[in-house]
Amino acid sequence: MSQVLKPLDSDDLELLSQARDAAKRMRSAIQEVIVGQDTTINAILTAVFSRGHTLVIGVPGLAKTLLVRTLAEVLGWSFKRIQFTPDMMPADVIGMELLQHDAETGQRSMQFVHGPLFAQMILADEINRTPPKTQAALLEAMQEYTVTSMGHVHELPHPFLVFATQNPIEQEGTYPLPEAQLDRFMFSLWMDYPDEDQEVEIVLSTTDEAVAQVKSVTSAEEITAYQQLVRRVPVSQHLARYAVLLARVTRPTADVHAKGITDYVSWGAGPRASQHMILAAKALAVLNGEPAVTAQHIRRVAPLVLRHRVLPNYNAAGEGIDAAEIVKRVLSTVREPLSVA
């Protein structure tokens, strides 16, 4: 089936230029506080433009919390950090109905008291430290942008974005995130140690009396306009098929097989993976001021989208092959389909 692509009109091209300039300002503002981590910064901006929730994995001390808080300040969004603990209950996150007394009328009534989830940007710190019941409290918020308490639905602020952190080296007292919840995260970002020069700069900047001041460089209305523009960026059918093939080849039961891949996979990526690859590729194009999606955009976002959706099996564990290596093999094996005129 052929597809007629609708290119961006003149108004959208002007907005595209504004989005690119806004992205540059945001990068510059974040880099005044965060040393290095350029790849991670670009990824979280892609997540913002595509309204994608993000899982950030890294050892303690890599400024994960500072990065997300700085991003919220640069965007001018309200921010809440939720420290997840083993004794945390769902009501501690979403809020609860409490009996309130009106001093003037003397009447009592049940009123909903907002929990920390009611902010535009949420940092769910060490999300795997809380039981599945509380983790599940985030699912409705991440998917529907609402929370339900005592049968009443409450809308969350707009825009709304969740960044969750995990510590990859400490497994005692943790609760692995269920696959359904992992699938709600568009990206899985791994933050690496800084290099030597960057670490020296971090030490000097954080032990000095001067503190970097972060100011908002854009507005929620502008970001909303850029997010809507992302949806209008054209993508060809053969590139959509490319994203679908990247996801399908990770499934051991699929009709598309690749040697050295499916032998090591217990469970592969679902349809949401290809959806997220296309949406993130569109956002990356907007960040760069480019009016259409290319295969290069898809290849750049694919590892971030697929890594947490691919579950290696015992064969992979025995040979020291992790999800990142499997995704790397997928990208080197699957070729971009030919365009159909």
Protein backbone atom coordinates (compact mmCIF):
# COMPACT_ATOMS: atom_id res chain seq x y z
CA MET A 1 0.00 0.00 0.00
CA SER A 2 1.48 3.35 -1.04
CA GLN A 3 1.46 6.32 1.27
CA VAL A 4 1.26 10.01 0.44
CA LEU A 5 3.39 11.97 2.90
CA LYS A 6 2.18 15.38 3.95
CA PRO A 7 5.20 17.65 4.42
CA LEU A 8 5.24 20.35 7.07
CA ASP A 9 3.67 23.62 5.94
CA SER A 10 5.32 27.03 6.26
CA ASP A 11 3.89 27.66 9.73
CA ASP A 12 5.18 24.31 10.95
CA LEU A 13 8.61 24.98 9.43
CA GLU A 14 8.77 28.25 11.36
CA LEU A 15 7.76 26.42 14.53
CA LEU A 16 10.39 23.77 13.74
CA SER A 17 13.07 26.46 13.69
CA GLN A 18 11.82 27.80 17.02
CA ALA A 19 11.88 24.29 18.52
CA ARG A 20 15.48 23.76 17.41
CA ASP A 21 16.53 27.08 18.96
CA ALA A 22 14.65 26.28 22.18
CA ALA A 23 16.40 22.91 22.38
CA LYS A 24 19.78 24.64 22.05
CA ARG A 25 18.90 27.02 24.89
CA MET A 26 17.76 24.13 27.07
CA ARG A 27 20.95 22.14 26.43
CA SER A 28 23.09 25.16 27.23
CA ALA A 29 21.18 25.90 30.46
CA ILE A 30 21.39 22.30 31.66
CA GLN A 31 25.11 22.10 30.84
CA GLU A 32 25.75 25.07 33.14
CA VAL A 33 24.89 22.72 36.01
CA ILE A 34 25.55 19.20 34.67
CA VAL A 35 29.11 18.40 33.62
CA GLY A 36 29.35 15.98 30.69
CA GLN A 37 26.48 13.53 30.10
CA ASP A 38 25.78 15.16 26.72
CA THR A 39 24.20 11.98 25.31
CA THR A 40 21.90 11.67 28.32
CA ILE A 41 20.90 15.34 28.13
CA ASN A 42 19.96 14.98 24.47
CA ALA A 43 17.97 11.83 25.28
CA ILE A 44 15.94 13.48 28.04
CA LEU A 45 15.15 16.43 25.78
CA THR A 46 13.95 13.94 23.18
CA ALA A 47 11.76 12.39 25.88
CA VAL A 48 10.31 15.80 26.77
CA PHE A 49 9.47 16.63 23.16
CA SER A 50 7.79 13.25 22.66
CA ARG A 51 6.07 13.16 26.09
CA GLY A 52 7.88 9.93 26.92
CA HIS A 53 8.44 8.70 30.47
CA THR A 54 12.05 7.68 31.12
CA LEU A 55 13.88 5.17 33.30
CA VAL A 56 17.35 6.38 34.34
CA ILE A 57 19.79 3.71 35.52
CA GLY A 58 23.12 4.52 37.12
CA VAL A 59 25.24 4.08 40.23
CA PRO A 60 24.92 6.63 43.07
CA GLY A 61 26.61 9.99 42.66
CA LEU A 62 26.10 10.51 38.92
CA ALA A 63 23.74 13.48 39.45
CA LYS A 64 20.59 11.71 38.28
CA THR A 65 18.41 13.68 40.70
CA LEU A 66 20.20 16.95 39.92
CA LEU A 67 19.77 16.36 36.19
CA VAL A 68 16.00 15.90 36.41
CA ARG A 69 15.55 18.79 38.84
CA THR A 70 17.61 21.05 36.58
CA LEU A 71 15.52 19.98 33.58
CA ALA A 72 12.33 20.95 35.45
CA GLU A 73 13.80 24.36 36.33
CA VAL A 74 14.90 24.97 32.75
CA LEU A 75 11.39 24.11 31.53
CA GLY A 76 9.71 26.11 34.29
CA TRP A 77 7.67 23.08 35.39
CA SER A 78 6.61 22.18 38.91
CA PHE A 79 8.79 19.37 40.29
CA LYS A 80 8.39 16.71 42.97
CA ARG A 81 10.89 14.08 44.04
CA ILE A 82 9.42 10.92 45.55
CA GLN A 83 11.88 8.73 47.46
CA PHE A 84 10.51 5.20 47.19
CA THR A 85 10.94 2.95 50.23
CA PRO A 86 9.78 -0.59 51.10
CA ASP A 87 7.06 0.69 53.46
CA MET A 88 5.53 3.19 51.02
CA MET A 89 1.85 2.71 50.18
CA PRO A 90 -0.05 3.86 47.04
CA ALA A 91 -1.80 6.63 48.99
CA ASP A 92 1.62 8.06 49.88
CA VAL A 93 2.12 8.67 46.15
CA ILE A 94 -1.27 9.59 44.70
CA GLY A 95 -2.92 11.10 47.80
CA MET A 96 -5.96 10.05 49.81
CA GLU A 97 -9.47 10.97 50.92
CA LEU A 98 -9.43 12.56 54.38
CA LEU A 99 -12.23 13.66 56.65
CA GLN A 100 -12.19 17.46 56.79
CA HIS A 101 -14.00 19.69 59.30
CA ASP A 102 -15.36 23.06 58.18
CA ALA A 103 -15.03 25.42 61.15
CA GLU A 104 -17.61 27.88 59.75
CA THR A 105 -20.43 25.42 59.04
CA GLY A 106 -19.45 22.71 61.46
CA GLN A 107 -19.92 20.12 58.72
CA ARG A 108 -17.59 17.26 57.94
CA SER A 109 -16.86 15.90 54.51
CA MET A 110 -14.37 13.69 52.71
CA GLN A 111 -11.92 15.66 50.59
CA PHE A 112 -9.11 14.43 48.38
CA VAL A 113 -5.66 15.59 49.47
CA HIS A 114 -3.16 15.59 46.63
CA GLY A 115 -0.08 13.42 46.92
CA PRO A 116 3.38 14.27 45.55
CA LEU A 117 2.38 12.83 42.17
CA PHE A 118 0.55 16.08 41.42
CA ALA A 119 3.37 17.94 39.71
CA GLN A 120 4.36 18.43 36.09
CA MET A 121 7.66 16.56 36.44
CA ILE A 122 8.05 13.63 38.82
CA LEU A 123 11.30 12.02 39.90
CA ALA A 124 10.52 8.53 41.20
CA ASP A 125 13.80 7.91 43.00
CA GLU A 126 14.86 4.26 43.36
CA ILE A 127 11.51 3.08 42.09
CA ASN A 128 12.52 -0.57 42.48
CA ARG A 129 12.76 -0.18 46.28
CA THR A 130 9.00 -0.11 46.76
CA PRO A 131 6.59 -3.09 46.49
CA PRO A 132 4.68 -3.79 43.24
CA LYS A 133 1.42 -2.49 44.75
CA THR A 134 2.90 0.99 45.06
CA GLN A 135 4.76 0.74 41.75
CA ALA A 136 1.40 -0.02 40.12
CA ALA A 137 0.02 3.27 41.45
CA LEU A 138 2.14 4.95 38.79
CA LEU A 139 0.72 2.94 35.91
CA GLU A 140 -2.57 4.83 35.59
CA ALA A 141 -0.76 8.16 35.98
CA MET A 142 1.78 7.34 33.28
CA GLN A 143 -0.77 6.02 30.80
CA GLU A 144 -3.94 7.97 31.47
CA TYR A 145 -2.59 11.11 33.20
CA THR A 146 -5.12 10.58 35.98
CA VAL A 147 -5.25 8.92 39.40
CA THR A 148 -8.22 7.20 41.02
CA SER A 149 -8.97 7.36 44.74
CA MET A 150 -12.12 5.99 46.37
CA GLY A 151 -13.72 5.65 42.95
CA HIS A 152 -13.08 9.29 42.00
CA VAL A 153 -10.84 10.18 39.06
CA HIS A 154 -8.49 13.14 39.47
CA GLU A 155 -6.62 14.70 36.55
CA LEU A 156 -2.90 15.32 36.85
CA PRO A 157 -1.27 18.62 35.85
CA HIS A 158 -0.42 19.18 32.19
CA PRO A 159 2.20 18.62 30.96
CA PHE A 160 3.11 15.55 33.03
CA LEU A 161 6.29 13.48 32.80
CA VAL A 162 7.83 10.77 34.98
CA PHE A 163 11.54 10.10 35.36
CA ALA A 164 12.35 7.06 37.48
CA THR A 165 15.79 6.05 38.74
CA GLN A 166 17.26 2.65 39.52
CA ASN A 167 20.52 1.57 41.10
CA PRO A 168 21.97 -1.29 38.98
CA ILE A 169 24.39 -2.64 41.62
CA GLU A 170 22.22 -3.00 44.70
CA GLN A 171 19.64 -5.78 44.48
CA GLU A 172 18.90 -6.62 48.13
CA GLY A 173 15.55 -5.32 49.27
CA THR A 174 14.44 -4.39 45.76
CA TYR A 175 11.38 -5.35 43.73
CA PRO A 176 11.98 -5.73 39.97
CA LEU A 177 9.61 -3.64 37.90
CA PRO A 178 6.93 -5.74 36.17
CA GLU A 179 7.16 -5.94 32.38
CA ALA A 180 3.88 -4.03 31.98
CA GLN A 181 5.33 -1.08 33.87
CA LEU A 182 8.69 -1.20 32.11
CA ASP A 183 6.82 -1.04 28.81
CA ARG A 184 5.31 2.31 29.85
CA PHE A 185 8.75 3.88 29.86
CA MET A 186 9.72 5.16 26.43
CA PHE A 187 13.45 5.20 27.19
CA SER A 188 15.89 3.36 29.39
CA LEU A 189 18.98 5.52 29.91
CA TRP A 190 22.24 4.24 31.36
CA MET A 191 24.38 6.97 32.90
CA ASP A 192 28.10 6.17 32.85
CA TYR A 193 30.92 7.46 35.01
CA PRO A 194 32.39 10.79 33.87
CA ASP A 195 35.89 10.81 32.41
CA GLU A 196 38.80 12.09 34.49
CA ASP A 197 38.70 15.74 33.35
CA GLN A 198 34.94 15.90 33.80
CA GLU A 199 35.22 14.43 37.30
CA VAL A 200 37.82 17.04 38.25
CA GLU A 201 35.45 19.76 37.00
CA ILE A 202 32.59 18.22 39.00
CA VAL A 203 34.67 18.20 42.18
CA LEU A 204 35.76 21.81 41.75
CA SER A 205 32.31 23.14 40.85
CA THR A 206 30.48 21.35 43.66
CA THR A 207 32.95 22.34 46.40
CA ASP A 208 33.03 26.02 45.45
CA GLU A 209 31.00 28.72 47.17
CA ALA A 210 29.38 29.87 43.95
CA VAL A 211 26.21 28.02 42.95
CA ALA A 212 24.99 27.94 39.35
CA GLN A 213 21.64 29.68 38.98
CA VAL A 214 19.18 27.97 36.64
CA LYS A 215 16.46 29.96 34.90
CA SER A 216 13.55 28.86 32.77
CA VAL A 217 14.29 29.32 29.07
CA THR A 218 10.90 28.30 27.70
CA SER A 219 7.26 27.95 28.75
CA ALA A 220 4.82 25.07 29.12
CA GLU A 221 2.77 26.48 26.24
CA GLU A 222 5.80 26.46 23.93
CA ILE A 223 6.72 22.91 24.90
CA THR A 224 3.14 21.80 24.26
CA ALA A 225 3.31 23.37 20.78
CA TYR A 226 6.58 21.55 20.08
CA GLN A 227 5.08 18.26 21.29
CA GLN A 228 2.16 18.71 18.93
CA LEU A 229 4.58 19.53 16.11
CA VAL A 230 6.39 16.24 16.75
CA ARG A 231 3.17 14.38 15.96
CA ARG A 232 2.91 16.17 12.61
CA VAL A 233 6.44 15.36 11.42
CA PRO A 234 6.06 13.02 8.41
CA VAL A 235 7.48 9.51 8.40
CA SER A 236 7.44 7.22 5.39
CA GLN A 237 5.86 3.77 5.42
CA HIS A 238 9.17 2.02 4.75
CA LEU A 239 10.72 3.72 7.82
CA ALA A 240 7.74 2.69 9.93
CA ARG A 241 8.30 -0.85 8.65
CA TYR A 242 11.97 -0.55 9.63
CA ALA A 243 10.99 0.27 13.24
CA VAL A 244 8.52 -2.63 13.25
CA LEU A 245 11.20 -5.05 11.98
CA LEU A 246 13.63 -3.92 14.69
CA ALA A 247 11.02 -4.77 17.32
CA ARG A 248 9.80 -8.01 15.69
CA VAL A 249 13.25 -9.52 15.29
CA THR A 250 13.70 -9.50 19.07
CA ARG A 251 10.77 -11.91 19.53
CA PRO A 252 11.71 -15.60 19.62
CA THR A 253 8.27 -16.61 18.30
CA ALA A 254 8.12 -14.08 15.45
CA ASP A 255 8.16 -14.99 11.77
CA VAL A 256 11.28 -12.84 11.33
CA HIS A 257 14.40 -14.48 12.71
CA ALA A 258 18.01 -13.41 12.93
CA LYS A 259 20.89 -15.73 13.72
CA GLY A 260 22.54 -14.95 17.03
CA ILE A 261 19.58 -12.98 18.34
CA THR A 262 16.51 -15.10 18.96
CA ASP A 263 18.63 -17.87 20.49
CA TYR A 264 19.36 -15.54 23.37
CA VAL A 265 15.94 -13.95 23.94
CA SER A 266 13.29 -15.18 26.34
CA TRP A 267 10.87 -12.34 25.61
CA GLY A 268 11.03 -9.58 23.04
CA ALA A 269 9.69 -6.08 22.47
CA GLY A 270 5.97 -5.52 21.89
CA PRO A 271 4.17 -3.14 19.51
CA ARG A 272 4.65 -0.20 21.86
CA ALA A 273 8.39 -0.39 21.10
CA SER A 274 7.96 0.41 17.41
CA GLN A 275 5.47 3.15 18.27
CA HIS A 276 7.98 4.71 20.65
CA MET A 277 10.82 4.40 18.14
CA ILE A 278 8.87 6.37 15.55
CA LEU A 279 7.67 8.98 18.04
CA ALA A 280 11.18 9.42 19.49
CA ALA A 281 12.67 9.62 15.99
CA LYS A 282 10.19 12.40 15.17
CA ALA A 283 11.17 14.24 18.35
CA LEU A 284 14.86 13.87 17.53
CA ALA A 285 14.22 15.34 14.09
CA VAL A 286 12.48 18.34 15.69
CA LEU A 287 15.35 18.83 18.15
CA ASN A 288 17.72 18.99 15.19
CA GLY A 289 15.43 21.23 13.14
CA GLU A 290 14.92 18.55 10.47
CA PRO A 291 11.51 18.36 8.72
CA ALA A 292 11.27 14.57 8.30
CA VAL A 293 12.37 11.31 9.90
CA THR A 294 15.33 9.35 8.55
CA ALA A 295 16.62 5.86 9.26
CA GLN A 296 19.49 7.43 11.21
CA HIS A 297 17.00 8.96 13.66
CA ILE A 298 15.47 5.53 14.25
CA ARG A 299 18.87 3.88 14.75
CA ARG A 300 19.85 6.51 17.31
CA VAL A 301 16.75 6.04 19.47
CA ALA A 302 16.34 2.26 19.02
CA PRO A 303 18.80 1.22 21.79
CA LEU A 304 17.06 3.51 24.28
CA VAL A 305 13.64 2.09 23.37
CA LEU A 306 14.52 -1.60 23.07
CA ARG A 307 17.03 -2.22 25.87
CA HIS A 308 14.52 -2.57 28.72
CA ARG A 309 12.00 -4.46 26.55
CA VAL A 310 14.29 -7.37 25.65
CA LEU A 311 14.61 -10.14 28.24
CA PRO A 312 17.72 -12.33 27.75
CA ASN A 313 17.37 -16.06 28.44
CA TYR A 314 19.65 -18.55 30.21
CA ASN A 315 21.75 -19.07 27.09
CA ALA A 316 22.56 -15.36 27.03
CA ALA A 317 23.36 -15.32 30.75
CA GLY A 318 25.68 -18.28 30.33
CA GLU A 319 27.61 -16.52 27.58
CA GLY A 320 27.65 -13.12 29.25
CA ILE A 321 25.31 -11.52 26.69
CA ASP A 322 23.06 -8.80 28.06
CA ALA A 323 20.11 -6.90 26.57
CA ALA A 324 22.35 -4.09 25.31
CA GLU A 325 24.46 -6.56 23.33
CA ILE A 326 21.34 -8.19 21.87
CA VAL A 327 20.02 -4.80 20.72
CA LYS A 328 23.42 -4.02 19.21
CA ARG A 329 23.21 -7.24 17.19
CA VAL A 330 19.67 -6.38 16.11
CA LEU A 331 20.79 -3.01 14.74
CA SER A 332 23.73 -4.54 12.89
CA THR A 333 21.59 -7.33 11.40
CA VAL A 334 18.31 -5.68 10.38
CA ARG A 335 18.61 -3.56 7.27
CA GLU A 336 16.39 -0.65 6.33
CA PRO A 337 13.63 -1.82 3.92
CA LEU A 338 13.66 -0.38 0.44
CA SER A 339 11.37 2.57 -0.16
CA VAL A 340 8.37 1.84 -2.33
CA ALA A 341 7.56 4.64 -4.78
